[in-house]
Amino acid sequence: MTQEKGAKTYHFRLWKMKHIRLYSLFLVLCSLFAACEPDTACHQELGTAVQITLSADSVTSAGDTVHYTQWDSITVVGIGSDIGMQGKGIKGMGLELRPDTNLTAYLMLYHNQIDTLFIQHTPRQQFISLACGCAVYHTITAAWSSDSRVDSVSIINASVESVAQDNLCIYLHE
């Protein structure tokens, strides 16, 4: 009976090892398939745009100073590019910077005045992944305006790597 019991124990151990190996192989295959993702699936936002806000003080007919932070109406057209936008009552705007040059210029029409906004920047390509490719990020080095009503153009955040942060503020005086 001991020989028979030993044979049963041996067969049980073989059966157990076989199932443990199959279970282990199954887990390895599942983890490999779960880790794989098609090369065409890019889940990262690659768009970048310089975000511009407005800060202005205006003197009313009663002599009071009123601070405002939005454009009543603005039209923006890129010089040398097809970039443009038009809006009413907006607090800020996002404009793309040209990836092929270090200077991007925009004609801006607001408050019945034409202005040219110049943004000097350094574009750089950043590899994201095989699925996403490269994104073009920029570092703003200078910004200025041709309109005498613009007191200054201030760089708030020089790094343009998304559309979620303010980069420039235009200070008007009227």
Protein backbone atom coordinates (compact mmCIF):
# COMPACT_ATOMS: atom_id res chain seq x y z
CA MET A 1 0.00 0.00 0.00
CA THR A 2 2.87 2.34 0.52
CA GLN A 3 3.91 1.91 -3.10
CA GLU A 4 0.39 2.72 -4.22
CA LYS A 5 0.20 5.71 -1.89
CA GLY A 6 3.59 6.93 -3.14
CA ALA A 7 2.42 6.66 -6.77
CA LYS A 8 -0.73 8.63 -6.00
CA THR A 9 1.29 11.31 -4.22
CA TYR A 10 3.70 11.47 -7.17
CA HIS A 11 0.83 11.82 -9.69
CA PHE A 12 -0.83 14.45 -7.54
CA ARG A 13 2.41 16.45 -7.39
CA LEU A 14 2.82 16.19 -11.19
CA TRP A 15 -0.77 17.31 -11.68
CA LYS A 16 -0.25 20.20 -9.24
CA MET A 17 3.02 21.31 -10.92
CA LYS A 18 1.38 21.13 -14.35
CA HIS A 19 -1.45 23.41 -13.23
CA ILE A 20 0.88 25.82 -11.44
CA ARG A 21 2.94 26.13 -14.63
CA LEU A 22 -0.18 26.68 -16.76
CA TYR A 23 -1.48 29.25 -14.29
CA SER A 24 1.89 31.04 -14.26
CA LEU A 25 2.02 31.06 -18.06
CA PHE A 26 -1.52 32.43 -18.15
CA LEU A 27 -0.58 35.27 -15.77
CA VAL A 28 2.52 36.16 -17.79
CA LEU A 29 0.55 36.24 -21.05
CA CYS A 30 -2.20 38.35 -19.49
CA SER A 31 0.29 40.88 -18.18
CA LEU A 32 2.00 41.09 -21.59
CA PHE A 33 -1.28 41.67 -23.42
CA ALA A 34 -2.40 44.24 -20.87
CA ALA A 35 0.88 46.15 -21.21
CA CYS A 36 0.73 46.29 -25.00
CA GLU A 37 -0.94 49.26 -26.61
CA PRO A 38 -1.29 49.95 -30.31
CA ASP A 39 1.29 52.33 -31.78
CA THR A 40 -1.51 54.52 -33.10
CA ALA A 41 -2.96 55.38 -29.68
CA CYS A 42 -1.66 58.72 -28.42
CA HIS A 43 -3.30 59.81 -25.18
CA GLN A 44 -1.35 63.02 -24.63
CA GLU A 45 -2.45 66.49 -25.68
CA LEU A 46 0.24 67.83 -28.01
CA GLY A 47 -1.21 71.26 -28.75
CA THR A 48 0.59 74.33 -27.45
CA ALA A 49 -0.43 77.97 -27.61
CA VAL A 50 0.79 81.14 -25.97
CA GLN A 51 -1.95 82.25 -23.56
CA ILE A 52 -2.43 86.03 -23.47
CA THR A 53 -4.43 87.97 -20.89
CA LEU A 54 -5.28 91.66 -20.71
CA SER A 55 -4.93 94.15 -17.91
CA ALA A 56 -6.10 97.71 -18.48
CA ASP A 57 -7.09 100.85 -16.63
CA SER A 58 -9.55 103.28 -18.16
CA VAL A 59 -10.64 106.68 -16.89
CA THR A 60 -14.40 107.29 -17.06
CA SER A 61 -16.03 110.61 -17.95
CA ALA A 62 -16.54 111.18 -14.19
CA GLY A 63 -12.78 110.87 -13.65
CA ASP A 64 -12.91 107.46 -11.99
CA THR A 65 -10.34 104.80 -12.89
CA VAL A 66 -11.85 101.46 -13.86
CA HIS A 67 -9.75 98.30 -14.17
CA TYR A 68 -10.85 95.71 -16.70
CA THR A 69 -9.48 92.36 -17.80
CA GLN A 70 -11.31 91.48 -20.99
CA TRP A 71 -11.51 92.60 -24.59
CA ASP A 72 -14.86 93.97 -25.74
CA SER A 73 -14.06 92.79 -29.25
CA ILE A 74 -10.81 91.62 -30.81
CA THR A 75 -9.67 90.23 -34.15
CA VAL A 76 -6.22 88.68 -34.45
CA VAL A 77 -4.48 87.64 -37.68
CA GLY A 78 -1.07 86.03 -37.84
CA ILE A 79 1.49 87.71 -40.10
CA GLY A 80 3.01 85.14 -42.44
CA SER A 81 0.72 82.37 -41.21
CA ASP A 82 -2.92 81.34 -41.28
CA ILE A 83 -3.33 81.73 -37.53
CA GLY A 84 -6.24 83.88 -36.50
CA MET A 85 -9.12 84.35 -34.11
CA GLN A 86 -12.03 86.65 -33.44
CA GLY A 87 -13.97 87.07 -30.23
CA LYS A 88 -16.13 89.32 -28.09
CA GLY A 89 -16.02 89.68 -24.33
CA ILE A 90 -13.04 87.36 -23.90
CA LYS A 91 -10.69 87.42 -20.93
CA GLY A 92 -7.79 85.72 -22.68
CA MET A 93 -6.74 84.15 -25.92
CA GLY A 94 -4.51 81.34 -27.03
CA LEU A 95 -2.38 81.87 -30.13
CA GLU A 96 -0.08 79.38 -31.77
CA LEU A 97 3.56 80.26 -32.23
CA ARG A 98 5.24 79.46 -35.52
CA PRO A 99 7.51 76.40 -35.28
CA ASP A 100 9.66 77.42 -38.27
CA THR A 101 10.97 80.77 -36.99
CA ASN A 102 12.04 82.61 -33.82
CA LEU A 103 9.63 85.52 -34.28
CA THR A 104 5.85 85.35 -34.53
CA ALA A 105 3.83 88.50 -35.22
CA TYR A 106 0.09 89.18 -35.04
CA LEU A 107 -2.05 92.05 -36.28
CA MET A 108 -4.61 92.83 -33.60
CA LEU A 109 -7.68 94.99 -34.04
CA TYR A 110 -9.28 96.05 -30.76
CA HIS A 111 -10.96 99.23 -29.54
CA ASN A 112 -10.93 100.40 -33.20
CA GLN A 113 -7.13 100.44 -33.18
CA ILE A 114 -4.67 98.28 -35.10
CA ASP A 115 -1.69 96.96 -33.18
CA THR A 116 1.11 94.53 -33.99
CA LEU A 117 2.16 92.11 -31.29
CA PHE A 118 5.64 90.59 -31.65
CA ILE A 119 6.69 87.47 -29.75
CA GLN A 120 10.29 86.34 -29.93
CA HIS A 121 10.67 82.68 -28.98
CA THR A 122 12.86 79.62 -29.29
CA PRO A 123 11.01 76.58 -30.69
CA ARG A 124 12.19 73.10 -29.79
CA GLN A 125 10.88 69.69 -30.73
CA GLN A 126 10.28 67.29 -27.87
CA PHE A 127 9.91 63.57 -28.56
CA ILE A 128 6.86 62.27 -26.71
CA SER A 129 6.47 58.63 -27.81
CA LEU A 130 6.29 56.47 -30.92
CA ALA A 131 2.51 56.83 -30.96
CA CYS A 132 2.49 60.60 -30.40
CA GLY A 133 5.62 61.64 -32.24
CA CYS A 134 7.05 65.06 -31.41
CA ALA A 135 5.49 68.19 -29.96
CA VAL A 136 6.85 71.68 -30.57
CA TYR A 137 7.42 73.60 -27.34
CA HIS A 138 8.58 77.21 -27.14
CA THR A 139 10.47 79.44 -24.75
CA ILE A 140 9.47 83.11 -24.97
CA THR A 141 12.51 85.39 -24.87
CA ALA A 142 10.81 88.77 -25.53
CA ALA A 143 7.42 90.28 -26.38
CA TRP A 144 6.46 93.81 -27.42
CA SER A 145 3.78 95.83 -29.16
CA SER A 146 3.79 98.59 -31.78
CA ASP A 147 0.81 100.49 -30.27
CA SER A 148 1.53 103.45 -28.01
CA ARG A 149 -1.56 102.58 -25.94
CA VAL A 150 0.15 99.40 -24.80
CA ASP A 151 2.08 100.22 -21.67
CA SER A 152 3.95 96.90 -21.71
CA VAL A 153 3.79 93.24 -22.60
CA SER A 154 4.87 91.17 -19.63
CA ILE A 155 6.12 87.58 -19.75
CA ILE A 156 4.34 85.70 -16.96
CA ASN A 157 5.59 82.23 -17.87
CA ALA A 158 8.21 81.91 -20.62
CA SER A 159 7.69 78.18 -21.15
CA VAL A 160 4.93 77.38 -23.68
CA GLU A 161 4.28 73.64 -23.31
CA SER A 162 0.48 73.43 -23.10
CA VAL A 163 -2.68 75.51 -23.39
CA ALA A 164 -3.37 75.50 -19.65
CA GLN A 165 -1.21 78.34 -18.35
CA ASP A 166 -0.95 82.10 -18.89
CA ASN A 167 2.22 83.19 -20.68
CA LEU A 168 1.84 86.90 -21.54
CA CYS A 169 -0.12 89.84 -20.16
CA ILE A 170 -0.79 92.95 -22.25
CA TYR A 171 -1.06 96.11 -20.11
CA LEU A 172 -3.05 98.88 -21.75
CA HIS A 173 -3.39 102.47 -20.63
CA GLU A 174 -6.22 104.58 -21.97
